[in-house]
Amino acid sequence: MLKAPGDQPRILVTNDDGINAPGLKVMEAIAKEISDEVWVIAPEVNHSGAGHSLTLRRPLRTRRVSERHYAIDGTPTDCVLLALQNILEEQRIDLILSGVNHGHNLGEDVTYSGTIAAAMEATLLQVPAIAFSQACRDRHPVKWKTAQDWGAQIIRPLLSMEWPKDVLINVNFPDCVAQSVKGVQVTRQGKQKLGDELIERIDPRGEPYVWIGLSRDQVDHADGTDVAAVRDHWVSVTPIQLDMTHHPSFAKLTNLLTQR
């Protein structure tokens, strides 16, 4: 349980799209439905696709934007680390909300996503964390109101949960208006790998370059996956664990490599 009944959690909001991203404002609005104790600490610029990267080769700078709002010239991981161990080290943060990301984070997206990475860093630092993403299509208006209308409904029941150790929650809202959302599904991670499309071009100086496109090879979008749920207009909620050990292989490898 994050807080005793009746108490408000102290919430940190962050993202990977940057301090001026519209999704960050949506995330803050959702957080303020839950608590009056809300802080916002986010990257200065967009860090989509940064994964769980940490800035180690240069110093980091913090800019106070306004009361309880700070921008960090680093990655989402940097933001969470500095928030918990520097800017807010005297404050006990009860919950970290990362997002709302512009675009979904489904399947293998979780290994690339800075939105997920911020929640991972929080989890490593033993603070419960939820990542939020709003599915959308290119060159179409993002349906932020879907995330805003459903966000607090997802968070409130989780406040009373005995939070599992080393687990974060990944939430994806479908690309439909709020009234068309069918409900919530707890899902497993599906598969839809980025990088199926490589676009080769020549720059003005005659040098070749490659753009990594957004085409995806959908391998596992069966019922019960996050991919299928969002496709079918459900809110997908997936628990993600930090332990990436493949336990079924453990005994086999032990016998194969150590029993000699």
Protein backbone atom coordinates (compact mmCIF):
# COMPACT_ATOMS: atom_id res chain seq x y z
CA MET A 1 0.00 0.00 0.00
CA LEU A 2 1.49 3.35 -1.06
CA LYS A 3 -0.22 5.49 1.56
CA ALA A 4 -2.58 4.99 4.48
CA PRO A 5 -6.27 5.40 3.62
CA GLY A 6 -7.15 9.10 3.47
CA ASP A 7 -3.57 10.26 2.98
CA GLN A 8 -2.37 11.79 -0.27
CA PRO A 9 0.70 10.29 -1.96
CA ARG A 10 3.53 12.62 -2.94
CA ILE A 11 3.87 12.14 -6.71
CA LEU A 12 6.74 12.83 -9.09
CA VAL A 13 5.81 13.26 -12.77
CA THR A 14 8.39 12.81 -15.54
CA ASN A 15 8.55 11.77 -19.20
CA ASP A 16 10.84 11.29 -22.20
CA ASP A 17 9.20 13.78 -24.60
CA GLY A 18 10.54 16.81 -22.73
CA ILE A 19 9.44 19.50 -20.30
CA ASN A 20 7.20 21.25 -22.85
CA ALA A 21 5.46 18.12 -24.17
CA PRO A 22 1.64 18.17 -24.15
CA GLY A 23 1.57 14.66 -22.71
CA LEU A 24 3.48 15.86 -19.64
CA LYS A 25 0.75 18.40 -18.94
CA VAL A 26 -1.82 15.62 -19.26
CA MET A 27 0.18 13.45 -16.85
CA GLU A 28 0.39 16.29 -14.34
CA ALA A 29 -3.37 16.87 -14.59
CA ILE A 30 -3.98 13.16 -13.94
CA ALA A 31 -1.62 13.24 -10.94
CA LYS A 32 -3.47 16.25 -9.50
CA GLU A 33 -6.70 14.24 -9.55
CA ILE A 34 -4.96 11.92 -7.09
CA SER A 35 -2.96 14.34 -4.94
CA ASP A 36 -2.11 17.99 -4.28
CA GLU A 37 1.52 16.96 -3.70
CA VAL A 38 2.77 16.81 -7.31
CA TRP A 39 6.28 17.60 -8.59
CA VAL A 40 7.34 17.69 -12.25
CA ILE A 41 10.96 16.94 -13.24
CA ALA A 42 11.52 16.18 -16.91
CA PRO A 43 14.17 16.40 -19.65
CA GLU A 44 14.84 19.74 -21.36
CA VAL A 45 14.39 18.13 -24.80
CA ASN A 46 12.86 15.02 -26.34
CA HIS A 47 14.62 11.75 -25.47
CA SER A 48 12.31 9.26 -27.16
CA GLY A 49 14.10 5.97 -27.80
CA ALA A 50 16.81 6.76 -25.25
CA GLY A 51 16.11 3.57 -23.32
CA HIS A 52 17.63 3.26 -19.86
CA SER A 53 20.59 5.50 -20.69
CA LEU A 54 22.44 7.43 -17.99
CA THR A 55 24.65 10.48 -18.60
CA LEU A 56 28.15 9.66 -17.33
CA ARG A 57 30.57 11.69 -19.49
CA ARG A 58 29.44 15.24 -18.75
CA PRO A 59 27.88 17.20 -15.89
CA LEU A 60 24.11 17.66 -15.68
CA ARG A 61 22.36 20.99 -15.19
CA THR A 62 19.05 21.64 -13.49
CA ARG A 63 16.75 24.52 -14.45
CA ARG A 64 13.95 25.61 -12.15
CA VAL A 65 11.01 26.31 -14.45
CA SER A 66 8.51 27.30 -11.76
CA GLU A 67 7.40 26.15 -8.34
CA ARG A 68 7.67 22.33 -8.25
CA HIS A 69 8.72 22.22 -11.92
CA TYR A 70 12.30 21.47 -13.02
CA ALA A 71 14.01 20.64 -16.30
CA ILE A 72 17.17 18.50 -16.53
CA ASP A 73 19.51 18.57 -19.55
CA GLY A 74 19.73 14.80 -19.52
CA THR A 75 17.80 11.59 -20.08
CA PRO A 76 14.62 10.38 -18.35
CA THR A 77 16.81 8.12 -16.21
CA ASP A 78 18.90 11.14 -15.20
CA CYS A 79 15.72 13.01 -14.24
CA VAL A 80 14.52 10.31 -11.87
CA LEU A 81 17.97 9.82 -10.34
CA LEU A 82 18.50 13.56 -9.72
CA ALA A 83 14.94 14.02 -8.51
CA LEU A 84 15.18 11.31 -5.85
CA GLN A 85 18.79 11.77 -4.80
CA ASN A 86 19.32 15.51 -5.24
CA ILE A 87 16.40 17.86 -5.90
CA LEU A 88 13.86 16.07 -3.70
CA GLU A 89 16.19 14.09 -1.47
CA GLU A 90 14.54 15.59 1.63
CA GLN A 91 11.07 14.71 0.33
CA ARG A 92 9.72 11.16 0.38
CA ILE A 93 8.26 10.40 -3.05
CA ASP A 94 5.51 7.75 -2.88
CA LEU A 95 4.78 7.27 -6.58
CA ILE A 96 6.39 8.14 -9.92
CA LEU A 97 4.25 8.61 -13.03
CA SER A 98 6.07 8.65 -16.38
CA GLY A 99 4.35 10.01 -19.50
CA VAL A 100 1.95 10.46 -21.01
CA ASN A 101 4.06 9.34 -23.95
CA HIS A 102 3.23 10.50 -27.49
CA GLY A 103 2.69 7.07 -29.04
CA HIS A 104 2.28 3.61 -27.58
CA ASN A 105 4.91 1.54 -25.77
CA LEU A 106 3.95 -2.05 -26.59
CA GLY A 107 5.92 -5.24 -27.13
CA GLU A 108 9.64 -4.58 -27.63
CA ASP A 109 9.05 -0.83 -27.27
CA VAL A 110 9.65 -1.32 -23.56
CA THR A 111 13.37 -1.93 -24.17
CA TYR A 112 13.79 1.28 -26.19
CA SER A 113 11.42 3.62 -24.43
CA GLY A 114 12.64 6.48 -22.25
CA THR A 115 9.15 6.57 -20.73
CA ILE A 116 9.55 3.00 -19.50
CA ALA A 117 13.17 3.67 -18.51
CA ALA A 118 12.13 6.42 -16.11
CA ALA A 119 9.78 3.96 -14.42
CA MET A 120 12.58 1.36 -14.37
CA GLU A 121 14.94 3.78 -12.63
CA ALA A 122 12.28 4.56 -10.05
CA THR A 123 11.77 0.84 -9.48
CA LEU A 124 15.52 0.31 -9.01
CA LEU A 125 15.42 3.08 -6.41
CA GLN A 126 12.49 1.28 -4.72
CA VAL A 127 9.79 3.79 -5.59
CA PRO A 128 6.57 2.42 -7.17
CA ALA A 129 6.23 3.60 -10.77
CA ILE A 130 3.69 3.56 -13.59
CA ALA A 131 4.45 4.39 -17.24
CA PHE A 132 1.65 5.80 -19.42
CA SER A 133 1.47 6.00 -23.22
CA GLN A 134 -1.21 7.21 -25.63
CA ALA A 135 -1.42 5.27 -28.89
CA CYS A 136 -1.80 7.44 -31.99
CA ARG A 137 -1.35 7.41 -35.75
CA ASP A 138 1.09 9.54 -37.71
CA ARG A 139 -0.28 12.90 -38.82
CA HIS A 140 -3.48 12.42 -36.81
CA PRO A 141 -4.43 14.45 -33.72
CA VAL A 142 -3.40 12.68 -30.51
CA LYS A 143 -6.41 11.76 -28.37
CA TRP A 144 -4.96 13.07 -25.10
CA LYS A 145 -8.43 13.24 -23.55
CA THR A 146 -8.58 9.43 -23.59
CA ALA A 147 -5.53 9.27 -21.35
CA GLN A 148 -6.80 12.09 -19.15
CA ASP A 149 -10.25 10.55 -18.68
CA TRP A 150 -8.92 7.06 -17.89
CA GLY A 151 -5.64 7.80 -16.12
CA ALA A 152 -6.83 8.36 -12.57
CA GLN A 153 -9.18 5.36 -12.85
CA ILE A 154 -6.10 3.19 -13.40
CA ILE A 155 -4.03 4.76 -10.62
CA ARG A 156 -6.54 4.81 -7.75
CA PRO A 157 -6.94 1.02 -7.32
CA LEU A 158 -3.16 0.60 -7.47
CA LEU A 159 -2.67 2.91 -4.47
CA SER A 160 -4.09 0.24 -2.18
CA MET A 161 -2.11 -2.60 -3.75
CA GLU A 162 0.79 -4.29 -1.99
CA TRP A 163 3.32 -3.22 -4.60
CA PRO A 164 5.43 -6.14 -5.88
CA LYS A 165 9.18 -5.77 -5.51
CA ASP A 166 11.11 -4.90 -8.70
CA VAL A 167 7.95 -4.51 -10.79
CA LEU A 168 6.66 -1.48 -12.70
CA ILE A 169 3.31 -1.05 -14.41
CA ASN A 170 3.08 -0.23 -18.13
CA VAL A 171 -0.22 1.37 -19.22
CA ASN A 172 -1.21 2.01 -22.84
CA PHE A 173 -4.34 3.89 -23.93
CA PRO A 174 -5.91 2.99 -27.29
CA ASP A 175 -6.17 5.37 -30.24
CA CYS A 176 -9.87 6.10 -29.85
CA VAL A 177 -12.03 8.66 -28.07
CA ALA A 178 -12.54 8.08 -24.36
CA GLN A 179 -16.17 7.03 -24.79
CA SER A 180 -15.15 4.23 -27.18
CA VAL A 181 -12.73 2.58 -24.75
CA LYS A 182 -14.12 -0.85 -23.86
CA GLY A 183 -12.46 -1.05 -20.46
CA VAL A 184 -9.22 -2.31 -18.95
CA GLN A 185 -7.32 -5.52 -19.69
CA VAL A 186 -4.36 -6.84 -17.73
CA THR A 187 -2.06 -8.12 -20.46
CA ARG A 188 1.25 -9.79 -21.17
CA GLN A 189 3.89 -8.23 -23.38
CA GLY A 190 3.40 -8.97 -27.07
CA LYS A 191 5.87 -8.56 -29.92
CA GLN A 192 6.09 -5.92 -32.60
CA LYS A 193 9.72 -5.11 -33.31
CA LEU A 194 10.73 -1.73 -34.74
CA GLY A 195 13.32 -1.48 -37.50
CA ASP A 196 11.61 -3.51 -40.22
CA GLU A 197 11.92 -0.45 -42.48
CA LEU A 198 15.28 1.16 -43.33
CA ILE A 199 15.14 4.18 -45.64
CA GLU A 200 18.40 4.87 -47.49
CA ARG A 201 19.09 8.34 -48.89
CA ILE A 202 21.95 10.55 -50.11
CA ASP A 203 22.63 13.86 -48.34
CA PRO A 204 23.42 17.16 -50.20
CA ARG A 205 27.14 16.37 -50.00
CA GLY A 206 26.69 13.04 -51.70
CA GLU A 207 27.14 10.96 -48.54
CA PRO A 208 24.75 8.06 -47.85
CA TYR A 209 22.63 7.91 -44.72
CA VAL A 210 19.88 5.69 -43.32
CA TRP A 211 16.66 6.55 -41.50
CA ILE A 212 15.19 3.88 -39.23
CA GLY A 213 11.48 3.88 -40.10
CA LEU A 214 8.51 3.12 -37.89
CA SER A 215 7.33 0.03 -39.73
CA ARG A 216 6.87 -2.91 -37.35
CA ASP A 217 7.04 -6.64 -37.82
CA GLN A 218 4.16 -7.87 -35.66
CA VAL A 219 5.07 -11.34 -34.42
CA ASP A 220 2.81 -11.82 -31.40
CA HIS A 221 -0.42 -9.86 -31.22
CA ALA A 222 -2.63 -12.69 -29.99
CA ASP A 223 -5.45 -12.20 -27.50
CA GLY A 224 -4.09 -11.41 -24.07
CA THR A 225 -1.18 -9.30 -25.33
CA ASP A 226 -0.76 -5.57 -24.90
CA VAL A 227 -0.70 -5.15 -28.69
CA ALA A 228 -4.06 -6.87 -29.16
CA ALA A 229 -5.73 -5.05 -26.29
CA VAL A 230 -4.84 -1.58 -27.56
CA ARG A 231 -5.70 -2.56 -31.14
CA ASP A 232 -9.17 -3.61 -29.93
CA HIS A 233 -9.74 -0.36 -27.96
CA TRP A 234 -8.93 -1.58 -24.46
CA VAL A 235 -6.61 0.10 -21.98
CA SER A 236 -3.67 -2.29 -21.58
CA VAL A 237 -2.05 -2.71 -18.15
CA THR A 238 1.10 -4.85 -18.09
CA PRO A 239 3.27 -5.62 -15.04
CA ILE A 240 6.94 -5.59 -16.06
CA GLN A 241 9.67 -7.11 -13.91
CA LEU A 242 13.27 -5.95 -13.80
CA ASP A 243 14.63 -9.48 -13.41
CA MET A 244 15.25 -10.55 -17.01
CA THR A 245 16.65 -13.95 -16.08
CA HIS A 246 15.10 -16.72 -18.16
CA HIS A 247 14.44 -19.08 -15.29
CA PRO A 248 13.38 -22.13 -17.38
CA SER A 249 16.88 -22.15 -18.91
CA PHE A 250 18.67 -21.82 -15.58
CA ALA A 251 18.73 -25.49 -14.58
CA LYS A 252 19.49 -26.62 -18.13
CA LEU A 253 22.49 -24.27 -18.41
CA THR A 254 23.70 -25.24 -14.95
CA ASN A 255 23.71 -28.92 -15.91
CA LEU A 256 25.28 -28.22 -19.26
CA LEU A 257 28.07 -25.88 -18.15
CA THR A 258 28.90 -26.69 -14.53
CA GLN A 259 28.23 -30.39 -14.00
CA ARG A 260 31.55 -31.81 -15.21
